[in-house]
């Protein structure tokens, strides 16, 4: 992978923080500190998308 086309450390940290925020919003508690740190960028992107989908479903189901 070309370095210029890859993700930076800060991109990864932003995704980890976004996943933690969405997890907190959905489950009303912050996840353990290392839950999302071991994942690669693609997995983090997938998890963020899934958490967003769950929040949207929860909102439209009236449970929010």
C-alpha atoms as a PDB file:
ATOM      1  CA  UNK A   1       0.000   0.000   0.000  1.00  0.00           C
ATOM      2  CA  UNK A   2       1.293   3.432  -0.876  1.00  0.00           C
ATOM      3  CA  UNK A   3       1.851   5.460   2.287  1.00  0.00           C
ATOM      4  CA  UNK A   4       0.123   8.527   0.872  1.00  0.00           C
ATOM      5  CA  UNK A   5      -2.999   6.547   0.129  1.00  0.00           C
ATOM      6  CA  UNK A   6      -3.087   4.824   3.504  1.00  0.00           C
ATOM      7  CA  UNK A   7      -4.662   5.898   6.740  1.00  0.00           C
ATOM      8  CA  UNK A   8      -2.843   8.036   9.246  1.00  0.00           C
ATOM      9  CA  UNK A   9      -2.626   7.436  12.977  1.00  0.00           C
ATOM     10  CA  UNK A  10      -5.079  10.292  13.490  1.00  0.00           C
ATOM     11  CA  UNK A  11      -7.626   8.794  11.090  1.00  0.00           C
ATOM     12  CA  UNK A  12      -7.535   5.592  13.108  1.00  0.00           C
ATOM     13  CA  UNK A  13      -7.867   7.444  16.415  1.00  0.00           C
ATOM     14  CA  UNK A  14     -10.861   9.389  15.081  1.00  0.00           C
ATOM     15  CA  UNK A  15     -12.569   6.140  14.049  1.00  0.00           C
ATOM     16  CA  UNK A  16     -11.878   4.559  17.440  1.00  0.00           C
ATOM     17  CA  UNK A  17     -13.303   7.593  19.238  1.00  0.00           C
ATOM     18  CA  UNK A  18     -16.358   7.656  16.945  1.00  0.00           C
ATOM     19  CA  UNK A  19     -16.983   3.956  17.640  1.00  0.00           C
ATOM     20  CA  UNK A  20     -16.729   4.599  21.385  1.00  0.00           C
ATOM     21  CA  UNK A  21     -19.148   7.534  21.172  1.00  0.00           C
ATOM     22  CA  UNK A  22     -21.682   5.531  19.177  1.00  0.00           C
ATOM     23  CA  UNK A  23     -21.328   2.575  21.559  1.00  0.00           C
ATOM     24  CA  UNK A  24     -21.964   4.901  24.500  1.00  0.00           C
ATOM     25  CA  UNK A  25     -24.991   6.426  22.799  1.00  0.00           C
ATOM     26  CA  UNK A  26     -26.464   3.045  21.927  1.00  0.00           C
ATOM     27  CA  UNK A  27     -25.743   1.058  25.088  1.00  0.00           C
ATOM     28  CA  UNK A  28     -25.602   3.981  27.560  1.00  0.00           C
ATOM     29  CA  UNK A  29     -22.185   2.979  28.876  1.00  0.00           C
ATOM     30  CA  UNK A  30     -18.667   3.460  27.586  1.00  0.00           C
ATOM     31  CA  UNK A  31     -16.954   0.316  26.274  1.00  0.00           C
ATOM     32  CA  UNK A  32     -13.795  -1.080  27.850  1.00  0.00           C
ATOM     33  CA  UNK A  33     -10.713   0.900  26.873  1.00  0.00           C
ATOM     34  CA  UNK A  34      -9.227  -1.741  24.569  1.00  0.00           C
ATOM     35  CA  UNK A  35     -12.367  -3.020  22.861  1.00  0.00           C
ATOM     36  CA  UNK A  36     -11.841  -1.178  19.590  1.00  0.00           C
ATOM     37  CA  UNK A  37      -8.055  -0.661  19.709  1.00  0.00           C
ATOM     38  CA  UNK A  38      -7.173  -4.109  18.389  1.00  0.00           C
ATOM     39  CA  UNK A  39      -9.190  -3.710  15.184  1.00  0.00           C
ATOM     40  CA  UNK A  40      -7.876  -2.643  11.812  1.00  0.00           C
ATOM     41  CA  UNK A  41      -9.260   0.325   9.873  1.00  0.00           C
ATOM     42  CA  UNK A  42     -11.665  -1.656   7.704  1.00  0.00           C
ATOM     43  CA  UNK A  43     -13.168  -3.385  10.739  1.00  0.00           C
ATOM     44  CA  UNK A  44     -13.542  -0.058  12.536  1.00  0.00           C
ATOM     45  CA  UNK A  45     -15.352   1.419   9.541  1.00  0.00           C
ATOM     46  CA  UNK A  46     -17.730  -1.560   9.463  1.00  0.00           C
ATOM     47  CA  UNK A  47     -18.415  -1.339  13.210  1.00  0.00           C
ATOM     48  CA  UNK A  48     -19.096   2.408  13.035  1.00  0.00           C
ATOM     49  CA  UNK A  49     -21.567   1.785  10.204  1.00  0.00           C
ATOM     50  CA  UNK A  50     -23.291  -1.008  12.116  1.00  0.00           C
ATOM     51  CA  UNK A  51     -23.562   1.070  15.294  1.00  0.00           C
ATOM     52  CA  UNK A  52     -25.052   3.957  13.313  1.00  0.00           C
ATOM     53  CA  UNK A  53     -27.581   1.568  11.781  1.00  0.00           C
ATOM     54  CA  UNK A  54     -28.560   0.231  15.198  1.00  0.00           C
ATOM     55  CA  UNK A  55     -29.040   3.759  16.540  1.00  0.00           C
ATOM     56  CA  UNK A  56     -31.243   4.647  13.566  1.00  0.00           C
ATOM     57  CA  UNK A  57     -33.324   1.484  14.031  1.00  0.00           C
ATOM     58  CA  UNK A  58     -33.613   2.154  17.755  1.00  0.00           C
ATOM     59  CA  UNK A  59     -34.749   5.722  17.051  1.00  0.00           C
ATOM     60  CA  UNK A  60     -37.413   4.682  14.534  1.00  0.00           C
ATOM     61  CA  UNK A  61     -38.652   1.844  16.721  1.00  0.00           C
ATOM     62  CA  UNK A  62     -39.394   4.393  19.439  1.00  0.00           C
ATOM     63  CA  UNK A  63     -36.933   2.987  21.959  1.00  0.00           C
ATOM     64  CA  UNK A  64     -34.750   6.061  21.967  1.00  0.00           C
END
